Amino acid sequence: MLTTSPPLKTGSLLTGAHARAGEQKALVLLDKNGQKVIFKTFGAGEIMPTHHANVDVLVTVLAGRLIITVVDTPTEVTAGDYLVIPAGAPHALECVEAARILIFK
């Protein structure tokens, strides 16, 4: 018999066969050995002020449109785009239209 420990977690971040993750602002999907996968939602006009991370960060856009500024260089990203932010680089986010993103760090 195959067992998983902890029990298997499933869900849908958009529309799928599993229960939707919902509209919460942030949901940590995985936190293991210091690495995290975070699902975040933003409403149009929301911002995330300039901050930095001590590790490289991969941002994947699932839906919407955002401007992510890394070291004073703004980049517009939309559904299907991704952006890698180097460790220590100051970055900020401005949500142009409602968006859902995955953050891997």
Protein backbone atom coordinates (compact mmCIF):
# COMPACT_ATOMS: atom_id res chain seq x y z
CA MET A 1 0.00 0.00 0.00
CA LEU A 2 1.35 3.42 -0.99
CA THR A 3 1.18 6.04 1.72
CA THR A 4 2.19 9.66 1.72
CA SER A 5 3.45 11.57 4.67
CA PRO A 6 2.07 14.12 5.12
CA PRO A 7 -1.16 13.42 3.23
CA LEU A 8 -1.31 14.50 -0.42
CA LYS A 9 -2.43 18.11 -0.93
CA THR A 10 -4.32 19.07 -4.10
CA GLY A 11 -6.12 22.12 -5.38
CA SER A 12 -6.68 24.39 -8.35
CA LEU A 13 -5.07 27.82 -8.67
CA LEU A 14 -7.28 28.74 -11.63
CA THR A 15 -10.04 26.43 -12.81
CA GLY A 16 -9.64 22.70 -12.61
CA ALA A 17 -10.99 19.44 -11.28
CA HIS A 18 -9.83 20.10 -7.72
CA ALA A 19 -11.12 22.61 -5.17
CA ARG A 20 -10.05 26.19 -5.89
CA ALA A 21 -7.41 27.74 -3.67
CA GLY A 22 -9.74 30.72 -3.16
CA GLU A 23 -9.16 34.45 -3.19
CA GLN A 24 -6.91 34.78 -0.14
CA LYS A 25 -4.04 37.24 -0.57
CA ALA A 26 -1.31 34.68 0.10
CA LEU A 27 -1.30 30.93 0.45
CA VAL A 28 1.90 28.97 1.12
CA LEU A 29 1.55 25.83 -0.99
CA LEU A 30 4.88 24.32 0.02
CA ASP A 31 7.38 25.19 2.76
CA LYS A 32 10.16 22.65 2.92
CA ASN A 33 13.84 22.91 3.84
CA GLY A 34 13.74 26.70 3.62
CA GLN A 35 12.19 26.76 0.14
CA LYS A 36 8.69 28.08 -0.44
CA VAL A 37 6.06 28.12 -3.15
CA ILE A 38 3.54 30.90 -2.52
CA PHE A 39 0.29 31.64 -4.37
CA LYS A 40 -0.65 35.34 -4.21
CA THR A 41 -3.57 37.35 -5.51
CA PHE A 42 -3.68 41.09 -6.18
CA GLY A 43 -6.47 43.50 -7.05
CA ALA A 44 -5.99 46.16 -9.70
CA GLY A 45 -4.01 49.07 -8.26
CA GLU A 46 -2.43 47.11 -5.41
CA ILE A 47 1.30 47.47 -4.87
CA MET A 48 4.03 45.59 -3.07
CA PRO A 49 6.64 48.11 -1.88
CA THR A 50 10.33 47.71 -2.61
CA HIS A 51 11.88 44.80 -0.72
CA HIS A 52 14.49 42.10 -1.31
CA ALA A 53 15.05 38.40 -0.72
CA ASN A 54 18.24 36.60 0.27
CA VAL A 55 17.68 33.99 -2.46
CA ASP A 56 16.79 34.02 -6.15
CA VAL A 57 13.03 34.38 -6.65
CA LEU A 58 11.02 33.02 -9.58
CA VAL A 59 7.71 34.77 -10.20
CA THR A 60 5.22 33.08 -12.56
CA VAL A 61 2.11 34.98 -13.65
CA LEU A 62 -1.01 32.82 -13.81
CA ALA A 63 -3.50 35.58 -14.61
CA GLY A 64 -3.63 39.36 -14.91
CA ARG A 65 -1.09 42.07 -15.66
CA LEU A 66 1.61 43.51 -13.40
CA ILE A 67 4.66 45.72 -13.53
CA ILE A 68 7.57 44.27 -11.59
CA THR A 69 10.47 46.62 -11.02
CA VAL A 70 13.86 45.06 -10.33
CA VAL A 71 16.79 47.39 -9.54
CA ASP A 72 14.90 50.39 -11.01
CA THR A 73 14.00 48.56 -14.25
CA PRO A 74 10.24 48.03 -14.72
CA THR A 75 9.04 44.99 -16.68
CA GLU A 76 5.41 44.38 -17.61
CA VAL A 77 4.34 40.75 -17.23
CA THR A 78 1.07 39.01 -18.10
CA ALA A 79 -0.41 35.52 -17.81
CA GLY A 80 2.15 32.93 -18.87
CA ASP A 81 5.18 35.15 -18.25
CA TYR A 82 7.86 34.57 -15.63
CA LEU A 83 10.62 36.66 -14.12
CA VAL A 84 13.72 35.62 -12.16
CA ILE A 85 14.81 38.12 -9.51
CA PRO A 86 18.43 37.70 -8.37
CA ALA A 87 19.16 37.27 -4.68
CA GLY A 88 19.51 40.62 -2.91
CA ALA A 89 18.06 42.68 -5.79
CA PRO A 90 15.56 45.33 -4.65
CA HIS A 91 12.20 44.77 -6.32
CA ALA A 92 8.63 46.07 -6.19
CA LEU A 93 5.32 45.16 -7.80
CA GLU A 94 2.40 47.18 -9.15
CA CYS A 95 -0.76 45.36 -10.19
CA VAL A 96 -2.26 46.87 -13.36
CA GLU A 97 -5.22 44.47 -13.46
CA ALA A 98 -6.31 41.77 -11.02
CA ALA A 99 -3.64 39.09 -10.95
CA ARG A 100 -2.62 35.70 -9.57
CA ILE A 101 1.03 34.73 -9.28
CA LEU A 102 3.21 31.92 -8.00
CA ILE A 103 6.40 32.80 -6.16
CA PHE A 104 9.18 30.22 -5.84
CA LYS A 105 11.94 31.07 -3.40
